[in-house]
Amino acid sequence: MTTTDSSGQIVPAKQRKRTLASELQRLEPEIVKAVPKHIDPQRMSRIALTALRTTPKLTECSMASFLGSVLQLAQLGLEPNMNGQAYLIPRKIKGKMTCTAIIGYKGLLDLVYRSGKVALVYAHVVREGDVFDYDFGLNRSLTHKPVSDDGEMTHVYAVAELTSGHKTFAVLTRAQVLRRKLTAQGTAHPDSPWNKHEEAMWLKSAVRQVCKYLPHSAQLMEAAAF
């Protein structure tokens, strides 16, 4: 496999990978400055190198987009391609392979809890055959009794409880989730979490929706742009 550099010259994939790896090592001092205290910057670098091995298409991405995506996730304290926190996704933009950072469901939950103002947040998908009812009126209510574990997903919801005791929830229909998928970055790529981890992305959509009603930390506001 080969790719081209900025001058249009062909570069073998192995050489491209070594170049990205060396540039990632050079970026490590910036990662050290960027990461929150609970993140090991060396571990972040190792995980990014692992992503290059497990997702070969990343070696075709521009160096700026790959290093920029790693730094973005480092600043948020989220590990790429590990435990569903976040993903480094290669995709073609205007004919050029570009690396895109995408936050996963577990990563978004982590950011919600870091605000210190949320005691509990959880999300569930609703499938055909489930007993499900909700009311957004003056007396808000939500009832869900799962019946099926393999039926088509029809809704997804997230519930949040603040440390003050206040509770709120958000519900999305299948149509609303699919509209979000259509506008999401990189969904055409087979490595997109929308294609590999669809249910988790439904859950993330619901959590993002309920976040609109929660106190926002600076990190959570930054993550809302992903």
Protein backbone atom coordinates (compact mmCIF):
# COMPACT_ATOMS: atom_id res chain seq x y z
CA MET A 1 0.00 0.00 0.00
CA THR A 2 1.30 3.49 -0.81
CA THR A 3 0.21 7.07 -0.29
CA THR A 4 1.53 10.45 -1.35
CA ASP A 5 3.14 13.28 0.58
CA SER A 6 2.38 16.99 0.31
CA SER A 7 4.52 17.27 -2.84
CA GLY A 8 2.65 14.44 -4.55
CA GLN A 9 5.47 11.90 -4.27
CA ILE A 10 4.55 8.29 -3.55
CA VAL A 11 5.40 7.16 -0.01
CA PRO A 12 5.29 3.46 1.03
CA ALA A 13 2.83 2.72 3.83
CA LYS A 14 5.54 1.41 6.17
CA GLN A 15 7.55 4.60 5.76
CA ARG A 16 4.41 6.69 6.25
CA LYS A 17 3.64 4.81 9.45
CA ARG A 18 7.18 5.34 10.76
CA THR A 19 6.92 9.05 9.96
CA LEU A 20 3.60 9.41 11.78
CA ALA A 21 5.00 7.48 14.73
CA SER A 22 8.09 9.70 14.95
CA GLU A 23 5.96 12.86 14.68
CA LEU A 24 3.68 11.53 17.40
CA GLN A 25 6.73 11.04 19.62
CA ARG A 26 7.81 14.61 18.84
CA LEU A 27 4.33 15.82 19.82
CA GLU A 28 4.52 14.13 23.23
CA PRO A 29 5.60 17.31 25.13
CA GLU A 30 2.44 19.01 23.83
CA ILE A 31 0.37 16.01 24.90
CA VAL A 32 1.94 16.25 28.38
CA LYS A 33 0.77 19.88 28.59
CA ALA A 34 -2.70 19.09 27.25
CA VAL A 35 -3.87 16.01 29.15
CA PRO A 36 -5.83 16.21 32.42
CA LYS A 37 -4.05 14.91 35.53
CA HIS A 38 -5.76 11.50 35.41
CA ILE A 39 -4.32 10.68 31.95
CA ASP A 40 -0.84 9.26 31.37
CA PRO A 41 0.56 11.11 28.29
CA GLN A 42 2.88 8.20 27.42
CA ARG A 43 -0.09 5.85 27.47
CA MET A 44 -1.98 8.22 25.17
CA SER A 45 0.92 8.10 22.70
CA ARG A 46 1.07 4.30 22.85
CA ILE A 47 -2.67 4.01 22.24
CA ALA A 48 -2.40 6.33 19.23
CA LEU A 49 0.40 4.16 17.84
CA THR A 50 -1.77 1.08 18.36
CA ALA A 51 -4.54 2.81 16.38
CA LEU A 52 -2.10 3.17 13.47
CA ARG A 53 -1.51 -0.60 13.55
CA THR A 54 -5.13 -1.66 13.94
CA THR A 55 -6.58 0.86 11.45
CA PRO A 56 -4.11 0.89 8.51
CA LYS A 57 -6.12 3.57 6.66
CA LEU A 58 -4.97 6.07 9.30
CA THR A 59 -1.51 5.95 7.74
CA GLU A 60 -3.03 7.49 4.60
CA CYS A 61 -4.38 10.50 6.51
CA SER A 62 -2.64 13.85 6.53
CA MET A 63 -0.15 14.22 9.35
CA ALA A 64 -1.82 17.41 10.57
CA SER A 65 -5.25 15.79 10.84
CA PHE A 66 -3.90 12.70 12.65
CA LEU A 67 -1.79 14.60 15.16
CA GLY A 68 -4.52 17.22 15.61
CA SER A 69 -7.13 14.55 16.38
CA VAL A 70 -4.85 12.87 18.91
CA LEU A 71 -4.23 16.22 20.61
CA GLN A 72 -7.96 17.02 20.67
CA LEU A 73 -8.72 13.78 22.49
CA ALA A 74 -5.73 14.26 24.80
CA GLN A 75 -7.12 17.65 25.86
CA LEU A 76 -10.45 16.00 26.68
CA GLY A 77 -8.71 13.14 28.51
CA LEU A 78 -10.28 10.49 26.28
CA GLU A 79 -8.38 7.48 24.93
CA PRO A 80 -8.91 6.73 21.22
CA ASN A 81 -10.04 3.30 20.04
CA MET A 82 -10.15 2.01 23.64
CA ASN A 83 -13.24 0.94 25.61
CA GLY A 84 -15.61 2.99 23.47
CA GLN A 85 -14.36 6.34 24.81
CA ALA A 86 -13.38 7.82 21.45
CA TYR A 87 -12.33 6.87 17.93
CA LEU A 88 -9.83 8.00 15.31
CA ILE A 89 -11.65 7.59 12.00
CA PRO A 90 -10.04 7.95 8.56
CA ARG A 91 -12.30 9.46 5.93
CA LYS A 92 -11.96 11.15 2.57
CA ILE A 93 -12.68 14.88 2.52
CA LYS A 94 -12.42 16.70 -0.82
CA GLY A 95 -10.38 13.82 -2.19
CA LYS A 96 -7.89 13.72 0.70
CA MET A 97 -7.73 11.16 3.51
CA THR A 98 -8.34 12.94 6.80
CA CYS A 99 -8.34 11.70 10.39
CA THR A 100 -11.39 12.67 12.43
CA ALA A 101 -11.78 12.39 16.20
CA ILE A 102 -15.19 11.05 17.30
CA ILE A 103 -16.31 10.80 20.92
CA GLY A 104 -18.01 7.55 21.90
CA TYR A 105 -20.86 6.89 24.31
CA LYS A 106 -18.59 5.99 27.24
CA GLY A 107 -16.40 9.02 26.61
CA LEU A 108 -19.38 11.34 26.73
CA LEU A 109 -20.55 9.75 29.99
CA ASP A 110 -17.08 10.27 31.44
CA LEU A 111 -17.21 13.97 30.60
CA VAL A 112 -20.69 14.31 32.09
CA TYR A 113 -19.57 12.87 35.44
CA ARG A 114 -16.43 15.01 35.51
CA SER A 115 -18.59 18.12 35.91
CA GLY A 116 -19.20 17.01 39.50
CA LYS A 117 -22.83 18.11 39.29
CA VAL A 118 -24.34 14.91 37.90
CA ALA A 119 -24.96 12.03 40.30
CA LEU A 120 -26.28 9.53 37.76
CA VAL A 121 -26.89 9.28 34.02
CA TYR A 122 -27.96 6.26 32.00
CA ALA A 123 -29.43 5.48 28.61
CA HIS A 124 -31.39 2.61 27.08
CA VAL A 125 -32.63 1.71 23.63
CA VAL A 126 -36.27 0.76 23.14
CA ARG A 127 -37.05 -2.13 20.80
CA GLU A 128 -40.16 -3.28 18.98
CA GLY A 129 -42.42 -5.09 21.43
CA ASP A 130 -41.21 -3.21 24.52
CA VAL A 131 -43.71 -1.41 26.75
CA PHE A 132 -42.74 2.24 26.41
CA ASP A 133 -44.54 5.47 27.23
CA TYR A 134 -43.46 9.00 28.09
CA ASP A 135 -45.01 12.41 28.74
CA PHE A 136 -43.31 15.80 28.38
CA GLY A 137 -46.23 17.71 29.92
CA LEU A 138 -46.37 19.45 33.29
CA ASN A 139 -45.98 16.09 35.01
CA ARG A 140 -43.09 14.51 33.12
CA SER A 141 -43.01 10.73 33.19
CA LEU A 142 -41.26 7.83 31.47
CA THR A 143 -42.04 4.11 31.58
CA HIS A 144 -40.00 1.38 29.89
CA LYS A 145 -40.46 -2.35 30.33
CA PRO A 146 -38.09 -4.25 28.00
CA VAL A 147 -39.58 -7.30 26.32
CA SER A 148 -37.34 -7.92 23.31
CA ASP A 149 -33.55 -8.01 23.12
CA ASP A 150 -33.27 -8.39 19.35
CA GLY A 151 -36.15 -6.35 17.89
CA GLU A 152 -35.57 -3.26 15.78
CA MET A 153 -34.64 -0.18 17.80
CA THR A 154 -37.53 2.31 17.80
CA HIS A 155 -36.50 4.89 20.43
CA VAL A 156 -33.62 5.72 22.72
CA TYR A 157 -33.71 7.72 25.94
CA ALA A 158 -31.33 9.07 28.57
CA VAL A 159 -32.07 9.90 32.20
CA ALA A 160 -29.93 12.19 34.35
CA GLU A 161 -30.04 12.92 38.07
CA LEU A 162 -28.18 15.96 39.40
CA THR A 163 -26.43 15.99 42.77
CA SER A 164 -29.24 18.36 43.84
CA GLY A 165 -31.73 15.50 43.33
CA HIS A 166 -33.38 17.02 40.25
CA LYS A 167 -34.08 14.49 37.48
CA THR A 168 -34.58 15.00 33.76
CA PHE A 169 -34.75 12.86 30.65
CA ALA A 170 -34.63 13.05 26.85
CA VAL A 171 -36.20 10.77 24.24
CA LEU A 172 -35.30 10.38 20.56
CA THR A 173 -37.30 8.50 17.95
CA ARG A 174 -35.69 6.25 15.35
CA ALA A 175 -36.19 8.95 12.71
CA GLN A 176 -34.46 11.55 14.89
CA VAL A 177 -31.46 9.27 15.49
CA LEU A 178 -31.12 8.45 11.80
CA ARG A 179 -31.16 12.16 10.94
CA ARG A 180 -28.25 12.61 13.34
CA LYS A 181 -26.43 9.74 11.66
CA LEU A 182 -26.87 11.35 8.24
CA THR A 183 -25.19 14.55 9.40
CA ALA A 184 -22.44 12.84 11.43
CA GLN A 185 -18.86 12.79 10.18
CA GLY A 186 -17.40 9.71 8.54
CA THR A 187 -20.49 7.50 8.65
CA ALA A 188 -19.80 6.17 5.14
CA HIS A 189 -16.55 4.60 6.30
CA PRO A 190 -16.80 0.95 7.45
CA ASP A 191 -14.73 1.75 10.57
CA SER A 192 -17.20 4.43 11.67
CA PRO A 193 -18.67 3.65 15.12
CA TRP A 194 -22.09 4.23 13.54
CA ASN A 195 -21.43 1.09 11.50
CA LYS A 196 -19.47 -0.97 14.02
CA HIS A 197 -21.18 0.09 17.27
CA GLU A 198 -24.63 1.26 16.22
CA GLU A 199 -26.40 0.74 19.55
CA ALA A 200 -23.68 2.63 21.42
CA MET A 201 -24.10 5.55 19.01
CA TRP A 202 -27.85 5.56 19.63
CA LEU A 203 -27.11 5.75 23.37
CA LYS A 204 -24.62 8.55 22.80
CA SER A 205 -27.23 10.49 20.82
CA ALA A 206 -29.63 10.31 23.76
CA VAL A 207 -26.96 11.35 26.27
CA ARG A 208 -26.00 14.31 24.07
CA GLN A 209 -29.66 15.31 23.99
CA VAL A 210 -30.08 15.17 27.76
CA CYS A 211 -26.83 17.12 28.19
CA LYS A 212 -28.68 20.16 26.87
CA TYR A 213 -30.51 20.25 30.21
CA LEU A 214 -27.42 19.72 32.42
CA PRO A 215 -24.82 22.09 33.88
CA HIS A 216 -21.98 22.29 31.35
CA SER A 217 -18.29 21.99 32.09
CA ALA A 218 -15.79 23.49 29.64
CA GLN A 219 -14.83 19.99 28.46
CA LEU A 220 -18.45 18.96 27.95
CA MET A 221 -19.13 22.09 25.90
CA GLU A 222 -16.08 21.29 23.74
CA ALA A 223 -17.25 17.69 23.31
CA ALA A 224 -20.68 18.87 22.13
CA ALA A 225 -18.99 20.08 18.95
CA PHE A 226 -17.87 16.53 18.01
